[in-house]
Amino acid sequence: MCEVNGDEIILEKNQSICVRKGSRVRCSNPFDQPCEYVSVCVPAFTIDRVKREE
């Protein structure tokens, strides 16, 4: 499950999501089945660019 700007999005097997720059995002797996999370960042992720909440 991904929460993007307050909207919950349930992804199923072999689905993906594109999250736009500046979006507030939180991903989790509340289900019994394991899942794989892969993040592709363009431009590449750097700790200097991240906007983490406490």
PDB file of N, CA and C in Angstrom:
ATOM      1  N   MET A   1       0.846  -1.169   0.000  1.00  0.00           N
ATOM      2  CA  MET A   1       0.000   0.000   0.000  1.00  0.00           C
ATOM      3  C   MET A   1       0.892   1.233   0.000  1.00  0.00           C
ATOM      4  N   CYS A   2       0.524   2.201  -0.784  1.00  0.00           N
ATOM      5  CA  CYS A   2       1.214   3.494  -0.775  1.00  0.00           C
ATOM      6  C   CYS A   2       0.205   4.578  -0.437  1.00  0.00           C
ATOM      7  N   GLU A   3       0.628   5.476   0.396  1.00  0.00           N
ATOM      8  CA  GLU A   3      -0.169   6.659   0.697  1.00  0.00           C
ATOM      9  C   GLU A   3       0.535   7.831   0.035  1.00  0.00           C
ATOM     10  N   VAL A   4      -0.151   8.474  -0.911  1.00  0.00           N
ATOM     11  CA  VAL A   4       0.424   9.592  -1.650  1.00  0.00           C
ATOM     12  C   VAL A   4      -0.466  10.810  -1.437  1.00  0.00           C
ATOM     13  N   ASN A   5       0.095  11.816  -0.799  1.00  0.00           N
ATOM     14  CA  ASN A   5      -0.648  13.047  -0.502  1.00  0.00           C
ATOM     15  C   ASN A   5      -1.990  12.756   0.173  1.00  0.00           C
ATOM     16  N   GLY A   6      -1.988  11.762   1.082  1.00  0.00           N
ATOM     17  CA  GLY A   6      -3.179  11.443   1.854  1.00  0.00           C
ATOM     18  C   GLY A   6      -4.105  10.421   1.208  1.00  0.00           C
ATOM     19  N   ASP A   7      -3.876  10.062  -0.059  1.00  0.00           N
ATOM     20  CA  ASP A   7      -4.706   9.069  -0.738  1.00  0.00           C
ATOM     21  C   ASP A   7      -4.057   7.692  -0.632  1.00  0.00           C
ATOM     22  N   GLU A   8      -4.821   6.695  -0.158  1.00  0.00           N
ATOM     23  CA  GLU A   8      -4.306   5.332  -0.066  1.00  0.00           C
ATOM     24  C   GLU A   8      -4.470   4.633  -1.407  1.00  0.00           C
ATOM     25  N   ILE A   9      -3.396   4.013  -1.878  1.00  0.00           N
ATOM     26  CA  ILE A   9      -3.402   3.296  -3.141  1.00  0.00           C
ATOM     27  C   ILE A   9      -2.941   1.872  -2.865  1.00  0.00           C
ATOM     28  N   ILE A  10      -3.808   0.898  -3.177  1.00  0.00           N
ATOM     29  CA  ILE A  10      -3.471  -0.508  -2.992  1.00  0.00           C
ATOM     30  C   ILE A  10      -2.929  -1.027  -4.317  1.00  0.00           C
ATOM     31  N   LEU A  11      -1.683  -1.472  -4.293  1.00  0.00           N
ATOM     32  CA  LEU A  11      -1.069  -2.034  -5.486  1.00  0.00           C
ATOM     33  C   LEU A  11      -1.149  -3.551  -5.424  1.00  0.00           C
ATOM     34  N   GLU A  12      -1.438  -4.167  -6.556  1.00  0.00           N
ATOM     35  CA  GLU A  12      -1.486  -5.616  -6.634  1.00  0.00           C
ATOM     36  C   GLU A  12      -0.235  -6.130  -7.344  1.00  0.00           C
ATOM     37  N   LYS A  13      -0.103  -7.429  -7.395  1.00  0.00           N
ATOM     38  CA  LYS A  13       1.061  -8.064  -7.992  1.00  0.00           C
ATOM     39  C   LYS A  13       1.348  -7.478  -9.382  1.00  0.00           C
ATOM     40  N   ASN A  14       2.631  -7.162  -9.617  1.00  0.00           N
ATOM     41  CA  ASN A  14       3.139  -6.637 -10.890  1.00  0.00           C
ATOM     42  C   ASN A  14       2.641  -5.231 -11.232  1.00  0.00           C
ATOM     43  N   GLN A  15       2.138  -4.497 -10.268  1.00  0.00           N
ATOM     44  CA  GLN A  15       1.745  -3.117 -10.498  1.00  0.00           C
ATOM     45  C   GLN A  15       2.816  -2.187  -9.963  1.00  0.00           C
ATOM     46  N   SER A  16       2.802  -0.971 -10.454  1.00  0.00           N
ATOM     47  CA  SER A  16       3.751   0.046  -9.985  1.00  0.00           C
ATOM     48  C   SER A  16       3.025   1.380  -9.890  1.00  0.00           C
ATOM     49  N   ILE A  17       3.720   2.354  -9.356  1.00  0.00           N
ATOM     50  CA  ILE A  17       3.157   3.691  -9.200  1.00  0.00           C
ATOM     51  C   ILE A  17       4.264   4.709  -9.453  1.00  0.00           C
ATOM     52  N   CYS A  18       3.901   5.808 -10.058  1.00  0.00           N
ATOM     53  CA  CYS A  18       4.838   6.915 -10.270  1.00  0.00           C
ATOM     54  C   CYS A  18       4.446   8.029  -9.304  1.00  0.00           C
ATOM     55  N   VAL A  19       5.378   8.411  -8.462  1.00  0.00           N
ATOM     56  CA  VAL A  19       5.127   9.463  -7.473  1.00  0.00           C
ATOM     57  C   VAL A  19       5.898  10.696  -7.920  1.00  0.00           C
ATOM     58  N   ARG A  20       5.207  11.768  -8.126  1.00  0.00           N
ATOM     59  CA  ARG A  20       5.807  12.997  -8.651  1.00  0.00           C
ATOM     60  C   ARG A  20       6.586  13.766  -7.578  1.00  0.00           C
ATOM     61  N   LYS A  21       7.539  14.528  -8.041  1.00  0.00           N
ATOM     62  CA  LYS A  21       8.376  15.369  -7.186  1.00  0.00           C
ATOM     63  C   LYS A  21       7.495  16.228  -6.281  1.00  0.00           C
ATOM     64  N   GLY A  22       7.891  16.302  -5.022  1.00  0.00           N
ATOM     65  CA  GLY A  22       7.175  17.136  -4.056  1.00  0.00           C
ATOM     66  C   GLY A  22       5.996  16.454  -3.389  1.00  0.00           C
ATOM     67  N   SER A  23       5.677  15.221  -3.807  1.00  0.00           N
ATOM     68  CA  SER A  23       4.560  14.493  -3.201  1.00  0.00           C
ATOM     69  C   SER A  23       4.965  13.953  -1.839  1.00  0.00           C
ATOM     70  N   ARG A  24       4.002  13.867  -0.969  1.00  0.00           N
ATOM     71  CA  ARG A  24       4.210  13.244   0.337  1.00  0.00           C
ATOM     72  C   ARG A  24       3.844  11.776   0.188  1.00  0.00           C
ATOM     73  N   VAL A  25       4.799  10.878   0.437  1.00  0.00           N
ATOM     74  CA  VAL A  25       4.572   9.455   0.189  1.00  0.00           C
ATOM     75  C   VAL A  25       5.007   8.608   1.379  1.00  0.00           C
ATOM     76  N   ARG A  26       4.239   7.550   1.624  1.00  0.00           N
ATOM     77  CA  ARG A  26       4.577   6.569   2.655  1.00  0.00           C
ATOM     78  C   ARG A  26       4.116   5.204   2.135  1.00  0.00           C
ATOM     79  N   CYS A  27       5.024   4.246   2.087  1.00  0.00           N
ATOM     80  CA  CYS A  27       4.702   2.895   1.621  1.00  0.00           C
ATOM     81  C   CYS A  27       4.807   1.915   2.770  1.00  0.00           C
ATOM     82  N   SER A  28       3.911   0.934   2.780  1.00  0.00           N
ATOM     83  CA  SER A  28       3.922  -0.089   3.817  1.00  0.00           C
ATOM     84  C   SER A  28       3.304  -1.372   3.259  1.00  0.00           C
ATOM     85  N   ASN A  29       3.431  -2.452   4.008  1.00  0.00           N
ATOM     86  CA  ASN A  29       2.819  -3.721   3.629  1.00  0.00           C
ATOM     87  C   ASN A  29       1.986  -4.237   4.802  1.00  0.00           C
ATOM     88  N   PRO A  30       0.698  -3.895   4.836  1.00  0.00           N
ATOM     89  CA  PRO A  30      -0.156  -4.345   5.939  1.00  0.00           C
ATOM     90  C   PRO A  30      -0.732  -5.748   5.714  1.00  0.00           C
ATOM     91  N   PHE A  31      -0.287  -6.436   4.676  1.00  0.00           N
ATOM     92  CA  PHE A  31      -0.860  -7.730   4.303  1.00  0.00           C
ATOM     93  C   PHE A  31       0.018  -8.886   4.769  1.00  0.00           C
ATOM     94  N   ASP A  32      -0.515 -10.099   4.699  1.00  0.00           N
ATOM     95  CA  ASP A  32       0.212 -11.290   5.131  1.00  0.00           C
ATOM     96  C   ASP A  32       1.268 -11.734   4.127  1.00  0.00           C
ATOM     97  N   GLN A  33       1.054 -11.472   2.861  1.00  0.00           N
ATOM     98  CA  GLN A  33       1.998 -11.866   1.818  1.00  0.00           C
ATOM     99  C   GLN A  33       3.185 -10.901   1.788  1.00  0.00           C
ATOM    100  N   PRO A  34       4.419 -11.437   1.672  1.00  0.00           N
ATOM    101  CA  PRO A  34       5.575 -10.543   1.547  1.00  0.00           C
ATOM    102  C   PRO A  34       5.535  -9.802   0.219  1.00  0.00           C
ATOM    103  N   CYS A  35       6.156  -8.658   0.180  1.00  0.00           N
ATOM    104  CA  CYS A  35       6.225  -7.897  -1.066  1.00  0.00           C
ATOM    105  C   CYS A  35       7.629  -7.321  -1.230  1.00  0.00           C
ATOM    106  N   GLU A  36       7.917  -6.901  -2.437  1.00  0.00           N
ATOM    107  CA  GLU A  36       9.213  -6.293  -2.746  1.00  0.00           C
ATOM    108  C   GLU A  36       8.978  -4.839  -3.115  1.00  0.00           C
ATOM    109  N   TYR A  37       9.753  -3.956  -2.527  1.00  0.00           N
ATOM    110  CA  TYR A  37       9.659  -2.518  -2.770  1.00  0.00           C
ATOM    111  C   TYR A  37      10.918  -2.091  -3.500  1.00  0.00           C
ATOM    112  N   VAL A  38      10.744  -1.498  -4.680  1.00  0.00           N
ATOM    113  CA  VAL A  38      11.877  -1.016  -5.461  1.00  0.00           C
ATOM    114  C   VAL A  38      11.623   0.458  -5.768  1.00  0.00           C
ATOM    115  N   SER A  39      12.587   1.277  -5.446  1.00  0.00           N
ATOM    116  CA  SER A  39      12.469   2.709  -5.683  1.00  0.00           C
ATOM    117  C   SER A  39      13.466   3.128  -6.760  1.00  0.00           C
ATOM    118  N   VAL A  40      12.965   3.838  -7.771  1.00  0.00           N
ATOM    119  CA  VAL A  40      13.820   4.376  -8.828  1.00  0.00           C
ATOM    120  C   VAL A  40      13.684   5.891  -8.760  1.00  0.00           C
ATOM    121  N   CYS A  41      14.785   6.556  -8.505  1.00  0.00           N
ATOM    122  CA  CYS A  41      14.764   8.010  -8.326  1.00  0.00           C
ATOM    123  C   CYS A  41      15.503   8.695  -9.471  1.00  0.00           C
ATOM    124  N   VAL A  42      14.835   9.684 -10.086  1.00  0.00           N
ATOM    125  CA  VAL A  42      15.443  10.472 -11.156  1.00  0.00           C
ATOM    126  C   VAL A  42      15.178  11.933 -10.834  1.00  0.00           C
ATOM    127  N   PRO A  43      16.205  12.753 -10.587  1.00  0.00           N
ATOM    128  CA  PRO A  43      17.614  12.375 -10.532  1.00  0.00           C
ATOM    129  C   PRO A  43      17.875  11.460  -9.333  1.00  0.00           C
ATOM    130  N   ALA A  44      19.046  10.895  -9.309  1.00  0.00           N
ATOM    131  CA  ALA A  44      19.397   9.909  -8.288  1.00  0.00           C
ATOM    132  C   ALA A  44      19.194  10.464  -6.883  1.00  0.00           C
ATOM    133  N   PHE A  45      18.781   9.587  -5.970  1.00  0.00           N
ATOM    134  CA  PHE A  45      18.564   9.944  -4.570  1.00  0.00           C
ATOM    135  C   PHE A  45      19.874  10.365  -3.914  1.00  0.00           C
ATOM    136  N   THR A  46      19.827  11.441  -3.168  1.00  0.00           N
ATOM    137  CA  THR A  46      20.937  11.821  -2.299  1.00  0.00           C
ATOM    138  C   THR A  46      20.333  12.281  -0.977  1.00  0.00           C
ATOM    139  N   ILE A  47      21.036  12.063   0.092  1.00  0.00           N
ATOM    140  CA  ILE A  47      20.540  12.439   1.414  1.00  0.00           C
ATOM    141  C   ILE A  47      20.346  13.962   1.513  1.00  0.00           C
ATOM    142  N   ASP A  48      21.096  14.725   0.718  1.00  0.00           N
ATOM    143  CA  ASP A  48      20.978  16.189   0.741  1.00  0.00           C
ATOM    144  C   ASP A  48      19.656  16.668   0.161  1.00  0.00           C
ATOM    145  N   ARG A  49      19.029  15.875  -0.716  1.00  0.00           N
ATOM    146  CA  ARG A  49      17.785  16.285  -1.378  1.00  0.00           C
ATOM    147  C   ARG A  49      16.517  15.772  -0.682  1.00  0.00           C
ATOM    148  N   VAL A  50      16.659  14.826   0.218  1.00  0.00           N
ATOM    149  CA  VAL A  50      15.489  14.207   0.825  1.00  0.00           C
ATOM    150  C   VAL A  50      14.800  15.171   1.796  1.00  0.00           C
ATOM    151  N   LYS A  51      13.478  15.047   1.870  1.00  0.00           N
ATOM    152  CA  LYS A  51      12.681  15.856   2.812  1.00  0.00           C
ATOM    153  C   LYS A  51      11.962  14.885   3.728  1.00  0.00           C
ATOM    154  N   ARG A  52      12.628  14.456   4.787  1.00  0.00           N
ATOM    155  CA  ARG A  52      12.043  13.493   5.732  1.00  0.00           C
ATOM    156  C   ARG A  52      11.298  14.221   6.841  1.00  0.00           C
ATOM    157  N   GLU A  53      10.217  13.604   7.275  1.00  0.00           N
ATOM    158  CA  GLU A  53       9.475  14.130   8.415  1.00  0.00           C
ATOM    159  C   GLU A  53       9.912  13.392   9.665  1.00  0.00           C
ATOM    160  N   GLU A  54       9.894  14.053  10.779  1.00  0.00           N
ATOM    161  CA  GLU A  54      10.258  13.431  12.067  1.00  0.00           C
ATOM    162  C   GLU A  54       9.133  12.574  12.566  1.00  0.00           C
TER     163      GLU A  54
END
